[in-house]
Amino acid sequence: MANYWRDYDRKNGAGSVQTAQQSGMRWQGPGLNYAAEYQVAGIPAVYHITSDTGNDDPIVFPAVTQWIMISHKGANDSFISFTANAYDGDQKSDENTTNGNATSRFLLPRSATVESTGRIPIKCTKLYVDLGTSCEVSIIAGLTNIQTHQMPILSGSAVG
C-alpha cells in the first residue's frame, strides 16, 4: 500500500510519472459532515459581553463551532439567537420578555449568581446576544477547522 502514495510508482500509459494532482488523487478538506472535526478537541474561543459594552453586533466565530457553553448573570433576562431575524423580530417584544416565552430565542433567565448552560453540541457561525440591563454573558466555544462559508444560511420559520 505504501507504494501507491510514492510519485515514482504512479505511471501513465506512456510510462512517465504523474503527480498526485494528475493521477486523480484529491484531498478532501474538512466540511460540515466531516465527523473527525467533531471527534477531536475544539479550538477554544472565549467572548465576554456586558450590558455596558453593548451588544448590537453579533458574535462572529472565525470557524464553525463544535459546541458552545454560555454563562449568564444579571438582574434581567437575556436571550441568545442564531439568526438576525430572531434577534430583530423578537427583540423588545412584550410577549417574549414579560412571559419568558422566547419562541425563537434561547432564554437566559435572570440570576444573582452565574448560571451556565453546560456544553451544547451545535454547529453555528454567528451568535446574537440580547442582554438585559445590568447583565453579563460569557461564551466559550469549541471551534472546528471548517470554514464559515461552508455553513448554510440559517433562515425561515423553523430556524427563527
C-alpha atoms as a PDB file:
ATOM      1  CA  MET A   1       0.000   0.000   0.000  1.00  0.00           C
ATOM      2  CA  ALA A   2       2.884   2.407   0.683  1.00  0.00           C
ATOM      3  CA  ASN A   3       3.946   2.233  -2.991  1.00  0.00           C
ATOM      4  CA  TYR A   4       0.588   3.681  -4.004  1.00  0.00           C
ATOM      5  CA  TRP A   5       1.498   7.017  -2.449  1.00  0.00           C
ATOM      6  CA  ARG A   6       5.001   7.334  -3.931  1.00  0.00           C
ATOM      7  CA  ASP A   7       5.177   9.503  -7.057  1.00  0.00           C
ATOM      8  CA  TYR A   8       7.684   7.311  -8.896  1.00  0.00           C
ATOM      9  CA  ASP A   9       5.298   4.326  -8.753  1.00  0.00           C
ATOM     10  CA  ARG A  10       2.420   6.166 -10.485  1.00  0.00           C
ATOM     11  CA  LYS A  11       2.931   5.966 -14.227  1.00  0.00           C
ATOM     12  CA  ASN A  12       0.598   6.905 -17.048  1.00  0.00           C
ATOM     13  CA  GLY A  13       0.087   4.871 -20.224  1.00  0.00           C
ATOM     14  CA  ALA A  14       3.257   6.300 -21.803  1.00  0.00           C
ATOM     15  CA  GLY A  15       5.338   5.200 -18.809  1.00  0.00           C
ATOM     16  CA  SER A  16       6.011   8.680 -17.387  1.00  0.00           C
ATOM     17  CA  VAL A  17       5.413   9.557 -13.748  1.00  0.00           C
ATOM     18  CA  GLN A  18       2.283  11.501 -12.778  1.00  0.00           C
ATOM     19  CA  THR A  19       1.926  13.809  -9.810  1.00  0.00           C
ATOM     20  CA  ALA A  20      -0.804  13.228  -7.256  1.00  0.00           C
ATOM     21  CA  GLN A  21      -2.845  16.013  -8.901  1.00  0.00           C
ATOM     22  CA  GLN A  22      -2.537  14.471 -12.364  1.00  0.00           C
ATOM     23  CA  SER A  23      -3.305  10.949 -11.187  1.00  0.00           C
ATOM     24  CA  GLY A  24      -6.723  11.902  -9.822  1.00  0.00           C
ATOM     25  CA  MET A  25      -5.806  11.981  -6.114  1.00  0.00           C
ATOM     26  CA  ARG A  26      -7.789  14.723  -4.395  1.00  0.00           C
ATOM     27  CA  TRP A  27      -7.530  15.522  -0.719  1.00  0.00           C
ATOM     28  CA  GLN A  28     -10.948  16.466   0.574  1.00  0.00           C
ATOM     29  CA  GLY A  29     -10.783  19.236   3.184  1.00  0.00           C
ATOM     30  CA  PRO A  30     -12.988  19.258   6.251  1.00  0.00           C
ATOM     31  CA  GLY A  31     -16.675  20.004   5.715  1.00  0.00           C
ATOM     32  CA  LEU A  32     -19.858  20.149   7.776  1.00  0.00           C
ATOM     33  CA  ASN A  33     -20.340  16.374   7.661  1.00  0.00           C
ATOM     34  CA  TYR A  34     -16.695  15.510   8.307  1.00  0.00           C
ATOM     35  CA  ALA A  35     -17.061  13.547  11.546  1.00  0.00           C
ATOM     36  CA  ALA A  36     -13.396  13.754  12.524  1.00  0.00           C
ATOM     37  CA  GLU A  37     -13.729  17.519  13.074  1.00  0.00           C
ATOM     38  CA  TYR A  38     -16.267  16.848  15.832  1.00  0.00           C
ATOM     39  CA  GLN A  39     -14.364  13.982  17.458  1.00  0.00           C
ATOM     40  CA  VAL A  40     -11.217  15.924  18.330  1.00  0.00           C
ATOM     41  CA  ALA A  41     -10.911  18.717  20.871  1.00  0.00           C
ATOM     42  CA  GLY A  42     -12.149  22.077  19.609  1.00  0.00           C
ATOM     43  CA  ILE A  43     -10.040  25.199  19.206  1.00  0.00           C
ATOM     44  CA  PRO A  44     -11.091  27.498  22.076  1.00  0.00           C
ATOM     45  CA  ALA A  45     -12.783  30.850  21.531  1.00  0.00           C
ATOM     46  CA  VAL A  46     -13.955  32.952  24.503  1.00  0.00           C
ATOM     47  CA  TYR A  47     -16.179  36.046  24.486  1.00  0.00           C
ATOM     48  CA  HIS A  48     -17.480  38.222  27.331  1.00  0.00           C
ATOM     49  CA  ILE A  49     -20.228  40.805  26.882  1.00  0.00           C
ATOM     50  CA  THR A  50     -21.702  43.158  29.461  1.00  0.00           C
ATOM     51  CA  SER A  51     -24.667  45.471  29.134  1.00  0.00           C
ATOM     52  CA  ASP A  52     -22.176  48.355  29.493  1.00  0.00           C
ATOM     53  CA  THR A  53     -20.152  47.308  26.428  1.00  0.00           C
ATOM     54  CA  GLY A  54     -23.258  46.887  24.285  1.00  0.00           C
ATOM     55  CA  ASN A  55     -24.463  44.014  22.187  1.00  0.00           C
ATOM     56  CA  ASP A  56     -25.699  45.360  18.859  1.00  0.00           C
ATOM     57  CA  ASP A  57     -23.280  43.319  16.757  1.00  0.00           C
ATOM     58  CA  PRO A  58     -23.429  39.519  16.612  1.00  0.00           C
ATOM     59  CA  ILE A  59     -20.555  37.372  17.771  1.00  0.00           C
ATOM     60  CA  VAL A  60     -18.988  36.057  14.572  1.00  0.00           C
ATOM     61  CA  PHE A  61     -16.909  32.950  15.079  1.00  0.00           C
ATOM     62  CA  PRO A  62     -13.802  32.535  12.880  1.00  0.00           C
ATOM     63  CA  ALA A  63     -14.822  28.930  12.086  1.00  0.00           C
ATOM     64  CA  VAL A  64     -17.843  26.638  12.504  1.00  0.00           C
ATOM     65  CA  THR A  65     -18.377  25.672  16.142  1.00  0.00           C
ATOM     66  CA  GLN A  66     -18.396  22.150  17.545  1.00  0.00           C
ATOM     67  CA  TRP A  67     -20.097  23.228  20.732  1.00  0.00           C
ATOM     68  CA  ILE A  68     -20.861  26.316  22.798  1.00  0.00           C
ATOM     69  CA  MET A  69     -21.285  26.970  26.505  1.00  0.00           C
ATOM     70  CA  ILE A  70     -22.973  30.102  27.822  1.00  0.00           C
ATOM     71  CA  SER A  71     -22.769  31.595  31.318  1.00  0.00           C
ATOM     72  CA  HIS A  72     -25.130  34.378  32.400  1.00  0.00           C
ATOM     73  CA  LYS A  73     -25.507  36.628  35.415  1.00  0.00           C
ATOM     74  CA  GLY A  74     -27.837  39.571  35.705  1.00  0.00           C
ATOM     75  CA  ALA A  75     -30.847  41.307  37.150  1.00  0.00           C
ATOM     76  CA  ASN A  76     -32.892  40.736  33.971  1.00  0.00           C
ATOM     77  CA  ASP A  77     -33.457  38.046  31.349  1.00  0.00           C
ATOM     78  CA  SER A  78     -31.165  37.854  28.341  1.00  0.00           C
ATOM     79  CA  PHE A  79     -31.647  35.997  25.069  1.00  0.00           C
ATOM     80  CA  ILE A  80     -29.471  34.147  22.559  1.00  0.00           C
ATOM     81  CA  SER A  81     -30.447  33.549  18.929  1.00  0.00           C
ATOM     82  CA  PHE A  82     -28.731  32.141  15.883  1.00  0.00           C
ATOM     83  CA  THR A  83     -30.265  34.386  13.200  1.00  0.00           C
ATOM     84  CA  ALA A  84     -30.722  38.113  12.719  1.00  0.00           C
ATOM     85  CA  ASN A  85     -34.452  37.551  12.135  1.00  0.00           C
ATOM     86  CA  ALA A  86     -34.915  36.014  15.574  1.00  0.00           C
ATOM     87  CA  TYR A  87     -32.856  38.760  17.182  1.00  0.00           C
ATOM     88  CA  ASP A  88     -34.645  41.641  15.432  1.00  0.00           C
ATOM     89  CA  GLY A  89     -38.114  40.088  15.323  1.00  0.00           C
ATOM     90  CA  ASP A  90     -38.386  39.138  18.983  1.00  0.00           C
ATOM     91  CA  GLN A  91     -36.257  41.887  20.485  1.00  0.00           C
ATOM     92  CA  LYS A  92     -38.178  44.081  22.914  1.00  0.00           C
ATOM     93  CA  SER A  93     -41.399  42.158  22.297  1.00  0.00           C
ATOM     94  CA  ASP A  94     -43.601  42.344  25.391  1.00  0.00           C
ATOM     95  CA  GLU A  95     -44.963  38.868  24.697  1.00  0.00           C
ATOM     96  CA  ASN A  96     -41.484  37.332  24.798  1.00  0.00           C
ATOM     97  CA  THR A  97     -39.821  39.319  27.566  1.00  0.00           C
ATOM     98  CA  THR A  98     -42.545  39.563  30.192  1.00  0.00           C
ATOM     99  CA  ASN A  99     -43.746  35.974  29.991  1.00  0.00           C
ATOM    100  CA  GLY A 100     -40.324  34.440  29.460  1.00  0.00           C
ATOM    101  CA  ASN A 101     -41.642  32.890  26.234  1.00  0.00           C
ATOM    102  CA  ALA A 102     -38.737  33.052  23.799  1.00  0.00           C
ATOM    103  CA  THR A 103     -40.229  31.333  20.768  1.00  0.00           C
ATOM    104  CA  SER A 104     -37.191  31.586  18.509  1.00  0.00           C
ATOM    105  CA  ARG A 105     -34.552  32.617  21.012  1.00  0.00           C
ATOM    106  CA  PHE A 106     -32.833  30.847  23.871  1.00  0.00           C
ATOM    107  CA  LEU A 107     -33.768  32.322  27.251  1.00  0.00           C
ATOM    108  CA  LEU A 108     -31.073  33.035  29.829  1.00  0.00           C
ATOM    109  CA  PRO A 109     -33.150  33.675  32.959  1.00  0.00           C
ATOM    110  CA  ARG A 110     -32.226  36.372  35.459  1.00  0.00           C
ATOM    111  CA  SER A 111     -29.950  35.192  38.217  1.00  0.00           C
ATOM    112  CA  ALA A 112     -27.958  36.794  41.024  1.00  0.00           C
ATOM    113  CA  THR A 113     -25.257  34.128  40.617  1.00  0.00           C
ATOM    114  CA  VAL A 114     -23.538  32.866  37.487  1.00  0.00           C
ATOM    115  CA  GLU A 115     -25.628  30.186  35.746  1.00  0.00           C
ATOM    116  CA  SER A 116     -24.227  28.047  32.934  1.00  0.00           C
ATOM    117  CA  THR A 117     -25.914  26.110  30.139  1.00  0.00           C
ATOM    118  CA  GLY A 118     -23.358  23.355  30.092  1.00  0.00           C
ATOM    119  CA  ARG A 119     -21.845  22.203  26.820  1.00  0.00           C
ATOM    120  CA  ILE A 120     -24.299  22.431  23.903  1.00  0.00           C
ATOM    121  CA  PRO A 121     -23.167  20.472  20.811  1.00  0.00           C
ATOM    122  CA  ILE A 122     -24.192  22.802  17.992  1.00  0.00           C
ATOM    123  CA  LYS A 123     -22.841  23.984  14.633  1.00  0.00           C
ATOM    124  CA  CYS A 124     -23.055  27.742  14.139  1.00  0.00           C
ATOM    125  CA  THR A 125     -21.041  30.688  12.856  1.00  0.00           C
ATOM    126  CA  LYS A 126     -22.884  33.613  14.478  1.00  0.00           C
ATOM    127  CA  LEU A 127     -24.500  34.202  17.831  1.00  0.00           C
ATOM    128  CA  TYR A 128     -26.808  37.116  18.584  1.00  0.00           C
ATOM    129  CA  VAL A 129     -26.945  38.193  22.229  1.00  0.00           C
ATOM    130  CA  ASP A 130     -29.747  40.386  23.568  1.00  0.00           C
ATOM    131  CA  LEU A 131     -28.650  41.426  27.057  1.00  0.00           C
ATOM    132  CA  GLY A 132     -30.980  42.790  29.654  1.00  0.00           C
ATOM    133  CA  THR A 133     -29.885  45.760  31.749  1.00  0.00           C
ATOM    134  CA  SER A 134     -27.209  45.025  34.358  1.00  0.00           C
ATOM    135  CA  CYS A 135     -26.341  41.674  32.756  1.00  0.00           C
ATOM    136  CA  GLU A 136     -23.217  39.922  31.577  1.00  0.00           C
ATOM    137  CA  VAL A 137     -22.722  36.871  29.388  1.00  0.00           C
ATOM    138  CA  SER A 138     -19.628  34.743  28.834  1.00  0.00           C
ATOM    139  CA  ILE A 139     -19.449  32.402  25.865  1.00  0.00           C
ATOM    140  CA  ILE A 140     -16.867  29.712  25.264  1.00  0.00           C
ATOM    141  CA  ALA A 141     -16.919  27.776  22.026  1.00  0.00           C
ATOM    142  CA  GLY A 142     -15.010  24.836  20.623  1.00  0.00           C
ATOM    143  CA  LEU A 143     -14.176  25.602  17.003  1.00  0.00           C
ATOM    144  CA  THR A 144     -13.558  23.187  14.138  1.00  0.00           C
ATOM    145  CA  ASN A 145     -11.289  23.697  11.123  1.00  0.00           C
ATOM    146  CA  ILE A 146     -14.385  24.071   8.930  1.00  0.00           C
ATOM    147  CA  GLN A 147     -14.555  27.418   7.149  1.00  0.00           C
ATOM    148  CA  THR A 148     -17.601  29.594   7.856  1.00  0.00           C
ATOM    149  CA  HIS A 149     -18.669  29.854   4.202  1.00  0.00           C
ATOM    150  CA  GLN A 150     -19.483  26.114   4.259  1.00  0.00           C
ATOM    151  CA  MET A 151     -22.218  26.663   6.856  1.00  0.00           C
ATOM    152  CA  PRO A 152     -25.673  27.131   5.304  1.00  0.00           C
ATOM    153  CA  ILE A 153     -27.518  30.359   5.976  1.00  0.00           C
ATOM    154  CA  LEU A 154     -29.979  29.801   8.795  1.00  0.00           C
ATOM    155  CA  SER A 155     -33.326  31.360   7.952  1.00  0.00           C
ATOM    156  CA  GLY A 156     -37.003  30.533   7.785  1.00  0.00           C
ATOM    157  CA  SER A 157     -39.675  29.908  10.356  1.00  0.00           C
ATOM    158  CA  ALA A 158     -38.190  26.596  11.507  1.00  0.00           C
ATOM    159  CA  VAL A 159     -34.882  28.244  12.410  1.00  0.00           C
ATOM    160  CA  GLY A 160     -36.068  31.600  13.682  1.00  0.00           C
END
